[in-house]
Structures are given as structure tokens and as C-alpha cells.
C-alpha atoms as a PDB file:
ATOM      1  CA  UNK A   1      88.382 161.182  42.195  1.00  0.00           C
ATOM      2  CA  UNK A   2      87.252 157.870  40.688  1.00  0.00           C
ATOM      3  CA  UNK A   3      89.620 156.650  37.998  1.00  0.00           C
ATOM      4  CA  UNK A   4      88.474 154.682  35.001  1.00  0.00           C
ATOM      5  CA  UNK A   5      90.345 151.476  34.162  1.00  0.00           C
ATOM      6  CA  UNK A   6      91.568 150.289  30.783  1.00  0.00           C
ATOM      7  CA  UNK A   7      92.240 146.537  30.703  1.00  0.00           C
ATOM      8  CA  UNK A   8      94.497 145.379  27.868  1.00  0.00           C
ATOM      9  CA  UNK A   9      95.422 141.855  26.875  1.00  0.00           C
ATOM     10  CA  UNK A  10      95.542 139.281  24.122  1.00  0.00           C
ATOM     11  CA  UNK A  11      92.921 136.730  23.152  1.00  0.00           C
ATOM     12  CA  UNK A  12      93.030 133.936  25.743  1.00  0.00           C
ATOM     13  CA  UNK A  13      95.059 135.835  28.346  1.00  0.00           C
ATOM     14  CA  UNK A  14      92.043 136.181  30.629  1.00  0.00           C
ATOM     15  CA  UNK A  15      91.553 139.939  30.381  1.00  0.00           C
ATOM     16  CA  UNK A  16      87.800 139.589  29.843  1.00  0.00           C
ATOM     17  CA  UNK A  17      86.993 137.677  33.056  1.00  0.00           C
ATOM     18  CA  UNK A  18      89.289 140.042  34.938  1.00  0.00           C
ATOM     19  CA  UNK A  19      87.486 143.102  33.507  1.00  0.00           C
ATOM     20  CA  UNK A  20      84.112 141.627  34.492  1.00  0.00           C
ATOM     21  CA  UNK A  21      85.434 140.898  37.986  1.00  0.00           C
ATOM     22  CA  UNK A  22      86.874 144.429  38.349  1.00  0.00           C
ATOM     23  CA  UNK A  23      83.477 145.889  37.462  1.00  0.00           C
ATOM     24  CA  UNK A  24      81.958 144.054  40.438  1.00  0.00           C
ATOM     25  CA  UNK A  25      84.506 145.125  43.058  1.00  0.00           C
ATOM     26  CA  UNK A  26      82.275 147.703  44.700  1.00  0.00           C
ATOM     27  CA  UNK A  27      80.707 148.004  48.125  1.00  0.00           C
ATOM     28  CA  UNK A  28      77.543 145.905  48.572  1.00  0.00           C
ATOM     29  CA  UNK A  29      77.927 144.029  45.271  1.00  0.00           C
ATOM     30  CA  UNK A  30      78.395 140.395  46.215  1.00  0.00           C
ATOM     31  CA  UNK A  31      77.178 138.461  43.179  1.00  0.00           C
ATOM     32  CA  UNK A  32      77.205 138.634  39.394  1.00  0.00           C
ATOM     33  CA  UNK A  33      74.985 141.598  38.545  1.00  0.00           C
ATOM     34  CA  UNK A  34      75.734 142.682  34.972  1.00  0.00           C
ATOM     35  CA  UNK A  35      72.976 144.222  32.880  1.00  0.00           C
ATOM     36  CA  UNK A  36      73.392 144.196  29.101  1.00  0.00           C
ATOM     37  CA  UNK A  37      72.991 147.523  27.313  1.00  0.00           C
ATOM     38  CA  UNK A  38      74.230 146.366  23.898  1.00  0.00           C
ATOM     39  CA  UNK A  39      76.451 143.527  22.579  1.00  0.00           C
ATOM     40  CA  UNK A  40      79.553 145.482  23.612  1.00  0.00           C
ATOM     41  CA  UNK A  41      78.270 147.599  26.508  1.00  0.00           C
ATOM     42  CA  UNK A  42      77.280 146.487  30.010  1.00  0.00           C
ATOM     43  CA  UNK A  43      76.549 148.039  33.395  1.00  0.00           C
ATOM     44  CA  UNK A  44      76.364 147.289  37.089  1.00  0.00           C
ATOM     45  CA  UNK A  45      74.353 149.445  39.478  1.00  0.00           C
ATOM     46  CA  UNK A  46      76.022 150.299  42.776  1.00  0.00           C
ATOM     47  CA  UNK A  47      75.769 152.762  45.637  1.00  0.00           C
ATOM     48  CA  UNK A  48      77.495 155.460  43.579  1.00  0.00           C
ATOM     49  CA  UNK A  49      75.401 154.945  40.458  1.00  0.00           C
ATOM     50  CA  UNK A  50      76.141 152.863  37.399  1.00  0.00           C
ATOM     51  CA  UNK A  51      79.543 151.560  36.386  1.00  0.00           C
ATOM     52  CA  UNK A  52      80.117 150.670  32.760  1.00  0.00           C
ATOM     53  CA  UNK A  53      82.024 147.812  31.110  1.00  0.00           C
ATOM     54  CA  UNK A  54      82.782 148.579  27.467  1.00  0.00           C
ATOM     55  CA  UNK A  55      84.259 145.769  25.381  1.00  0.00           C
ATOM     56  CA  UNK A  56      86.779 147.141  22.881  1.00  0.00           C
ATOM     57  CA  UNK A  57      84.947 150.479  22.507  1.00  0.00           C
ATOM     58  CA  UNK A  58      87.945 152.152  20.834  1.00  0.00           C
ATOM     59  CA  UNK A  59      88.251 149.544  18.092  1.00  0.00           C
ATOM     60  CA  UNK A  60      87.112 150.561  14.623  1.00  0.00           C
ATOM     61  CA  UNK A  61      86.483 148.547  11.473  1.00  0.00           C
ATOM     62  CA  UNK A  62      83.937 146.467   9.594  1.00  0.00           C
ATOM     63  CA  UNK A  63      83.864 143.793  12.291  1.00  0.00           C
ATOM     64  CA  UNK A  64      83.131 146.277  15.072  1.00  0.00           C
ATOM     65  CA  UNK A  65      79.670 147.415  16.183  1.00  0.00           C
ATOM     66  CA  UNK A  66      78.836 150.764  14.499  1.00  0.00           C
ATOM     67  CA  UNK A  67      77.673 152.282  17.806  1.00  0.00           C
ATOM     68  CA  UNK A  68      81.267 152.253  19.047  1.00  0.00           C
ATOM     69  CA  UNK A  69      81.723 155.416  16.999  1.00  0.00           C
ATOM     70  CA  UNK A  70      79.373 157.070  19.512  1.00  0.00           C
ATOM     71  CA  UNK A  71      81.213 155.807  22.610  1.00  0.00           C
ATOM     72  CA  UNK A  72      82.189 159.254  23.898  1.00  0.00           C
ATOM     73  CA  UNK A  73      78.700 160.701  23.532  1.00  0.00           C
ATOM     74  CA  UNK A  74      77.119 157.595  25.090  1.00  0.00           C
ATOM     75  CA  UNK A  75      79.398 157.937  28.120  1.00  0.00           C
ATOM     76  CA  UNK A  76      78.717 161.675  28.371  1.00  0.00           C
ATOM     77  CA  UNK A  77      74.992 161.026  28.507  1.00  0.00           C
ATOM     78  CA  UNK A  78      75.274 158.073  30.914  1.00  0.00           C
ATOM     79  CA  UNK A  79      77.705 159.874  33.262  1.00  0.00           C
ATOM     80  CA  UNK A  80      78.839 156.637  34.932  1.00  0.00           C
ATOM     81  CA  UNK A  81      80.638 156.395  38.268  1.00  0.00           C
ATOM     82  CA  UNK A  82      83.419 154.409  36.594  1.00  0.00           C
ATOM     83  CA  UNK A  83      84.209 153.118  33.114  1.00  0.00           C
ATOM     84  CA  UNK A  84      86.101 149.870  32.667  1.00  0.00           C
ATOM     85  CA  UNK A  85      87.058 149.319  29.059  1.00  0.00           C
ATOM     86  CA  UNK A  86      88.970 146.548  27.335  1.00  0.00           C
ATOM     87  CA  UNK A  87      91.377 146.823  24.431  1.00  0.00           C
ATOM     88  CA  UNK A  88      92.976 143.756  22.909  1.00  0.00           C
ATOM     89  CA  UNK A  89      95.559 142.570  20.419  1.00  0.00           C
ATOM     90  CA  UNK A  90      97.539 145.846  20.409  1.00  0.00           C
ATOM     91  CA  UNK A  91     101.016 146.868  21.598  1.00  0.00           C
ATOM     92  CA  UNK A  92     101.208 148.961  24.749  1.00  0.00           C
ATOM     93  CA  UNK A  93     101.971 152.116  22.764  1.00  0.00           C
ATOM     94  CA  UNK A  94      99.005 151.549  20.459  1.00  0.00           C
ATOM     95  CA  UNK A  95      96.736 150.900  23.446  1.00  0.00           C
ATOM     96  CA  UNK A  96      97.760 154.284  24.863  1.00  0.00           C
ATOM     97  CA  UNK A  97      97.247 156.014  21.491  1.00  0.00           C
ATOM     98  CA  UNK A  98      93.777 154.540  21.121  1.00  0.00           C
ATOM     99  CA  UNK A  99      92.872 155.593  24.655  1.00  0.00           C
ATOM    100  CA  UNK A 100      94.054 159.152  23.995  1.00  0.00           C
ATOM    101  CA  UNK A 101      91.487 159.471  21.178  1.00  0.00           C
ATOM    102  CA  UNK A 102      88.598 159.204  23.630  1.00  0.00           C
ATOM    103  CA  UNK A 103      87.416 162.283  25.481  1.00  0.00           C
ATOM    104  CA  UNK A 104      85.345 160.025  27.704  1.00  0.00           C
ATOM    105  CA  UNK A 105      88.334 158.359  29.363  1.00  0.00           C
ATOM    106  CA  UNK A 106      91.342 160.590  28.568  1.00  0.00           C
ATOM    107  CA  UNK A 107      91.218 164.179  29.769  1.00  0.00           C
ATOM    108  CA  UNK A 108      93.890 166.612  30.945  1.00  0.00           C
ATOM    109  CA  UNK A 109      92.690 166.285  34.538  1.00  0.00           C
ATOM    110  CA  UNK A 110      91.865 162.591  34.514  1.00  0.00           C
ATOM    111  CA  UNK A 111      93.686 159.636  32.934  1.00  0.00           C
ATOM    112  CA  UNK A 112      92.595 156.005  33.202  1.00  0.00           C
ATOM    113  CA  UNK A 113      94.523 153.373  35.092  1.00  0.00           C
ATOM    114  CA  UNK A 114      96.211 151.134  32.522  1.00  0.00           C
ATOM    115  CA  UNK A 115      96.119 147.432  33.387  1.00  0.00           C
ATOM    116  CA  UNK A 116      97.952 144.811  31.337  1.00  0.00           C
ATOM    117  CA  UNK A 117      96.847 141.213  31.835  1.00  0.00           C
ATOM    118  CA  UNK A 118      99.553 138.604  31.343  1.00  0.00           C
ATOM    119  CA  UNK A 119      99.213 134.838  31.080  1.00  0.00           C
ATOM    120  CA  UNK A 120     102.123 132.423  30.968  1.00  0.00           C
ATOM    121  CA  UNK A 121     103.302 131.483  27.478  1.00  0.00           C
ATOM    122  CA  UNK A 122     102.663 127.732  27.628  1.00  0.00           C
ATOM    123  CA  UNK A 123      99.041 128.000  28.710  1.00  0.00           C
ATOM    124  CA  UNK A 124      98.402 130.933  26.377  1.00  0.00           C
ATOM    125  CA  UNK A 125      99.717 129.023  23.354  1.00  0.00           C
ATOM    126  CA  UNK A 126      97.737 125.931  24.333  1.00  0.00           C
ATOM    127  CA  UNK A 127      94.505 127.916  24.689  1.00  0.00           C
ATOM    128  CA  UNK A 128      95.016 129.736  21.382  1.00  0.00           C
ATOM    129  CA  UNK A 129      95.517 126.466  19.496  1.00  0.00           C
ATOM    130  CA  UNK A 130      92.497 124.905  21.187  1.00  0.00           C
ATOM    131  CA  UNK A 131      90.403 127.976  20.357  1.00  0.00           C
ATOM    132  CA  UNK A 132      91.351 127.653  16.675  1.00  0.00           C
ATOM    133  CA  UNK A 133      90.375 123.993  16.642  1.00  0.00           C
ATOM    134  CA  UNK A 134      87.135 124.670  18.529  1.00  0.00           C
ATOM    135  CA  UNK A 135      86.117 127.401  16.069  1.00  0.00           C
ATOM    136  CA  UNK A 136      87.290 125.555  12.938  1.00  0.00           C
ATOM    137  CA  UNK A 137      89.880 128.219  12.077  1.00  0.00           C
ATOM    138  CA  UNK A 138      93.477 127.849  10.919  1.00  0.00           C
ATOM    139  CA  UNK A 139      95.832 127.939  13.883  1.00  0.00           C
ATOM    140  CA  UNK A 140      97.873 130.646  12.122  1.00  0.00           C
ATOM    141  CA  UNK A 141      94.834 132.939  12.221  1.00  0.00           C
ATOM    142  CA  UNK A 142      94.656 132.809  16.022  1.00  0.00           C
ATOM    143  CA  UNK A 143      98.334 132.657  16.917  1.00  0.00           C
ATOM    144  CA  UNK A 144     101.172 133.728  14.645  1.00  0.00           C
ATOM    145  CA  UNK A 145     104.430 135.690  14.692  1.00  0.00           C
ATOM    146  CA  UNK A 146     102.699 139.072  14.703  1.00  0.00           C
ATOM    147  CA  UNK A 147     100.486 138.190  17.656  1.00  0.00           C
ATOM    148  CA  UNK A 148     103.347 136.618  19.572  1.00  0.00           C
ATOM    149  CA  UNK A 149     105.274 139.847  19.025  1.00  0.00           C
ATOM    150  CA  UNK A 150     102.425 141.801  20.642  1.00  0.00           C
ATOM    151  CA  UNK A 151     102.222 139.247  23.459  1.00  0.00           C
ATOM    152  CA  UNK A 152     105.941 139.774  24.078  1.00  0.00           C
ATOM    153  CA  UNK A 153     105.514 143.558  24.007  1.00  0.00           C
ATOM    154  CA  UNK A 154     103.039 143.315  26.883  1.00  0.00           C
ATOM    155  CA  UNK A 155     105.866 142.097  29.138  1.00  0.00           C
ATOM    156  CA  UNK A 156     107.953 145.198  28.406  1.00  0.00           C
ATOM    157  CA  UNK A 157     107.458 146.893  31.778  1.00  0.00           C
ATOM    158  CA  UNK A 158     106.666 143.841  33.898  1.00  0.00           C
ATOM    159  CA  UNK A 159     109.796 144.398  35.987  1.00  0.00           C
ATOM    160  CA  UNK A 160     109.577 148.200  36.034  1.00  0.00           C
ATOM    161  CA  UNK A 161     106.832 150.086  37.853  1.00  0.00           C
ATOM    162  CA  UNK A 162     108.080 153.497  36.745  1.00  0.00           C
ATOM    163  CA  UNK A 163     105.708 153.748  33.774  1.00  0.00           C
ATOM    164  CA  UNK A 164     102.393 153.818  35.626  1.00  0.00           C
ATOM    165  CA  UNK A 165     101.263 150.456  34.252  1.00  0.00           C
ATOM    166  CA  UNK A 166      99.570 147.952  36.537  1.00  0.00           C
ATOM    167  CA  UNK A 167     100.116 144.292  35.726  1.00  0.00           C
ATOM    168  CA  UNK A 168      97.696 141.531  36.645  1.00  0.00           C
ATOM    169  CA  UNK A 169      99.070 138.010  36.329  1.00  0.00           C
ATOM    170  CA  UNK A 170      96.150 135.838  35.266  1.00  0.00           C
ATOM    171  CA  UNK A 171      97.529 132.658  36.827  1.00  0.00           C
ATOM    172  CA  UNK A 172      97.832 134.262  40.263  1.00  0.00           C
ATOM    173  CA  UNK A 173      94.525 136.075  39.920  1.00  0.00           C
ATOM    174  CA  UNK A 174      92.694 132.789  39.338  1.00  0.00           C
ATOM    175  CA  UNK A 175      94.276 130.977  42.254  1.00  0.00           C
ATOM    176  CA  UNK A 176      94.790 133.497  45.053  1.00  0.00           C
ATOM    177  CA  UNK A 177      92.125 135.517  46.917  1.00  0.00           C
ATOM    178  CA  UNK A 178      94.948 137.426  48.634  1.00  0.00           C
ATOM    179  CA  UNK A 179      96.349 138.428  45.239  1.00  0.00           C
ATOM    180  CA  UNK A 180      92.907 139.583  44.102  1.00  0.00           C
ATOM    181  CA  UNK A 181      92.560 141.642  47.266  1.00  0.00           C
ATOM    182  CA  UNK A 182      95.928 143.292  46.533  1.00  0.00           C
ATOM    183  CA  UNK A 183      94.742 144.126  43.003  1.00  0.00           C
ATOM    184  CA  UNK A 184      91.698 145.887  44.450  1.00  0.00           C
ATOM    185  CA  UNK A 185      93.810 147.888  46.875  1.00  0.00           C
ATOM    186  CA  UNK A 186      96.151 148.898  44.062  1.00  0.00           C
ATOM    187  CA  UNK A 187      93.290 150.137  41.872  1.00  0.00           C
ATOM    188  CA  UNK A 188      91.235 151.747  44.618  1.00  0.00           C
ATOM    189  CA  UNK A 189      88.408 149.207  44.458  1.00  0.00           C
ATOM    190  CA  UNK A 190      86.417 147.525  47.217  1.00  0.00           C
ATOM    191  CA  UNK A 191      87.238 143.821  47.380  1.00  0.00           C
ATOM    192  CA  UNK A 192      84.115 141.649  47.371  1.00  0.00           C
ATOM    193  CA  UNK A 193      85.295 138.884  44.999  1.00  0.00           C
ATOM    194  CA  UNK A 194      81.897 139.030  43.315  1.00  0.00           C
ATOM    195  CA  UNK A 195      81.815 137.421  39.847  1.00  0.00           C
ATOM    196  CA  UNK A 196      84.986 135.377  40.428  1.00  0.00           C
ATOM    197  CA  UNK A 197      83.034 132.254  39.455  1.00  0.00           C
ATOM    198  CA  UNK A 198      81.416 133.832  36.399  1.00  0.00           C
ATOM    199  CA  UNK A 199      82.716 132.547  33.074  1.00  0.00           C
ATOM    200  CA  UNK A 200      83.440 135.334  30.615  1.00  0.00           C
ATOM    201  CA  UNK A 201      80.637 135.885  28.135  1.00  0.00           C
ATOM    202  CA  UNK A 202      83.130 136.957  25.478  1.00  0.00           C
ATOM    203  CA  UNK A 203      85.021 134.776  23.019  1.00  0.00           C
ATOM    204  CA  UNK A 204      82.761 131.742  23.225  1.00  0.00           C
ATOM    205  CA  UNK A 205      83.742 130.852  26.768  1.00  0.00           C
ATOM    206  CA  UNK A 206      86.637 128.538  27.546  1.00  0.00           C
ATOM    207  CA  UNK A 207      88.738 127.160  24.686  1.00  0.00           C
ATOM    208  CA  UNK A 208      88.718 123.770  26.421  1.00  0.00           C
ATOM    209  CA  UNK A 209      85.386 123.644  28.278  1.00  0.00           C
ATOM    210  CA  UNK A 210      83.148 125.945  26.263  1.00  0.00           C
ATOM    211  CA  UNK A 211      80.328 127.261  28.475  1.00  0.00           C
ATOM    212  CA  UNK A 212      80.347 124.244  30.810  1.00  0.00           C
ATOM    213  CA  UNK A 213      81.556 126.273  33.789  1.00  0.00           C
ATOM    214  CA  UNK A 214      79.332 129.312  33.293  1.00  0.00           C
ATOM    215  CA  UNK A 215      78.905 129.731  37.093  1.00  0.00           C
ATOM    216  CA  UNK A 216      81.920 127.709  38.291  1.00  0.00           C
ATOM    217  CA  UNK A 217      84.756 129.335  36.370  1.00  0.00           C
ATOM    218  CA  UNK A 218      87.220 129.270  39.253  1.00  0.00           C
ATOM    219  CA  UNK A 219      87.103 125.469  39.284  1.00  0.00           C
ATOM    220  CA  UNK A 220      88.721 125.233  35.830  1.00  0.00           C
ATOM    221  CA  UNK A 221      92.378 124.195  35.741  1.00  0.00           C
ATOM    222  CA  UNK A 222      93.458 127.073  33.550  1.00  0.00           C
ATOM    223  CA  UNK A 223      97.074 126.757  34.670  1.00  0.00           C
ATOM    224  CA  UNK A 224      97.250 123.149  33.430  1.00  0.00           C
ATOM    225  CA  UNK A 225      95.934 123.593  29.885  1.00  0.00           C
ATOM    226  CA  UNK A 226      99.367 123.117  28.372  1.00  0.00           C
ATOM    227  CA  UNK A 227      99.488 119.519  29.641  1.00  0.00           C
ATOM    228  CA  UNK A 228      96.749 118.572  27.178  1.00  0.00           C
ATOM    229  CA  UNK A 229      98.729 120.011  24.270  1.00  0.00           C
ATOM    230  CA  UNK A 230     102.301 118.895  24.941  1.00  0.00           C
ATOM    231  CA  UNK A 231     102.277 116.425  22.029  1.00  0.00           C
ATOM    232  CA  UNK A 232     100.491 118.764  19.621  1.00  0.00           C
ATOM    233  CA  UNK A 233     102.767 119.548  16.646  1.00  0.00           C
ATOM    234  CA  UNK A 234     101.783 123.237  16.520  1.00  0.00           C
ATOM    235  CA  UNK A 235     102.337 123.626  20.248  1.00  0.00           C
ATOM    236  CA  UNK A 236     105.785 122.045  20.121  1.00  0.00           C
ATOM    237  CA  UNK A 237     106.778 124.068  17.056  1.00  0.00           C
ATOM    238  CA  UNK A 238     105.685 127.409  18.557  1.00  0.00           C
ATOM    239  CA  UNK A 239     107.552 126.796  21.812  1.00  0.00           C
ATOM    240  CA  UNK A 240     110.670 125.791  19.910  1.00  0.00           C
ATOM    241  CA  UNK A 241     110.533 128.749  17.518  1.00  0.00           C
ATOM    242  CA  UNK A 242     109.850 131.274  20.281  1.00  0.00           C
ATOM    243  CA  UNK A 243     112.043 129.978  23.099  1.00  0.00           C
ATOM    244  CA  UNK A 244     113.029 133.573  23.925  1.00  0.00           C
ATOM    245  CA  UNK A 245     109.395 134.441  24.660  1.00  0.00           C
ATOM    246  CA  UNK A 246     109.060 131.315  26.791  1.00  0.00           C
ATOM    247  CA  UNK A 247     112.115 132.423  28.776  1.00  0.00           C
ATOM    248  CA  UNK A 248     110.583 135.869  29.248  1.00  0.00           C
ATOM    249  CA  UNK A 249     107.371 134.288  30.495  1.00  0.00           C
ATOM    250  CA  UNK A 250     109.284 132.001  32.841  1.00  0.00           C
ATOM    251  CA  UNK A 251     111.006 135.017  34.385  1.00  0.00           C
ATOM    252  CA  UNK A 252     107.601 136.366  35.427  1.00  0.00           C
ATOM    253  CA  UNK A 253     105.622 133.202  36.128  1.00  0.00           C
ATOM    254  CA  UNK A 254     108.278 130.615  36.891  1.00  0.00           C
ATOM    255  CA  UNK A 255     108.732 127.440  34.878  1.00  0.00           C
ATOM    256  CA  UNK A 256     105.748 125.231  34.164  1.00  0.00           C
ATOM    257  CA  UNK A 257     106.899 121.596  34.018  1.00  0.00           C
END
């Protein structure tokens, strides 16, 4: 049985490029091959039929595309080989609750694989601040106590594999082909590494480089972003105020000096 995959993360943790990459890990797909269905729905055609990438299909609200209300019926009609869906800015429990509302991905005989994407605290904070400045938004709108609380929640089971949650560490995923191969084996995918160089089309591209590396994403130094922000007053204040979260991140990623 082919399991669907739900990829959860925060803004700037790298869950979008990882979701796009996961979609391409199929036999005989060796290059970026996404076809756009709608602004939030995409597909790749493979040997077993189409596989779908749905960006935040379970989100509801004025800012969300109205067709997301029809997600279940769209998937029923499309009958894809696999669905990969993203869900962001929610605690683990709320991610699971949202997933359970969808008959397309949550059935008594078939549950999706839940993947949480983590990025180290220093680089995440740096990218969030840079995103705010790039988009002309207040820093507090992009990164604040509530969002840091959710970020911290995502680490809850990082040292415990008893809850059926798969973790992907963004830093390692970017740097190590062997790690990416292990991810594929864990999720029952065929490792091709297709789309590893494709910059995510979501969120305006890189906080630091924009769309400059649209086809060379793996060349970006995403694990060194914090070095450009070390003297930034917001960056220093956030790290000082949330030293416990930094310690939690360091336990998983090691210290970034």
C-alpha cells in the first residue's frame, strides 16, 4: 500500500523544498517535473500515475484559496498514486487534528506518514528576520513568542520514535546525499535526488537570495545564514530571550559557532 505523506513545519524551516523533493523521489523521475494544477495544487506524472503535492490544503480562512474546501472531492476524482501535503505554523497535535478532518488522507485503513521538518534555531531566526525585512513587514509579525512556542513544540518527539513521527533535519538534508537516501528508505520512496537543486516556489524564494538560485538551490549556504545576522538587535534579543529553545535546538543539531 502506498502511504501519503504530510509534511509539517514552520515558515523558513525548509519544509516546502523538502516536500517538492519528496514528490520527485520516484522511479524514472530524474529532474524537476512539476506541473501546476492551481496556485496550491501540483502534480508529477510517474510510472504509477500522478502524484499530488498540495500546499496547505487543510488550511481554512480568508487568506486561503476557496478551492481548498473541495480538497477531498478533488483527490477522489484525481485518484492519485500518492498525496504529499504540507501543513505549517501549527502544533503537532493541531496538525494531526487537521489531517483527521480529511477523508482523502485519513481513513481507518490508511493513515499518512507524518513528517516534521526541523531547522536549527539560529538559522531559523535569522531567516525569519530577513524575510520580514525583505517583505517590508514588522519582525514581530513573522517571528514572535507564539510562533517560537510552536517551533519548540515541533521538537517534542525528536528523541523518541515511539509516536510514529518521522523527523527530517533540514540542515542535514541540504548537505548529505546519504541522509537524503536514508529519508527515502524510511518513507518507502525511490531515491533519485531529483529536484534537489530546485528552489522552492513558495514564500518568495530564499529570504537572503530571493529567486537567484532557482535551479542551484543546493549551492546556497543555508546553514550559515545566522552569521549575517549576529549583530542584528532583533536576532540578539530573540536568542537571549529564548535561550531554552536554543539549547533544545543545540541538542538536536549541535552548536553553531
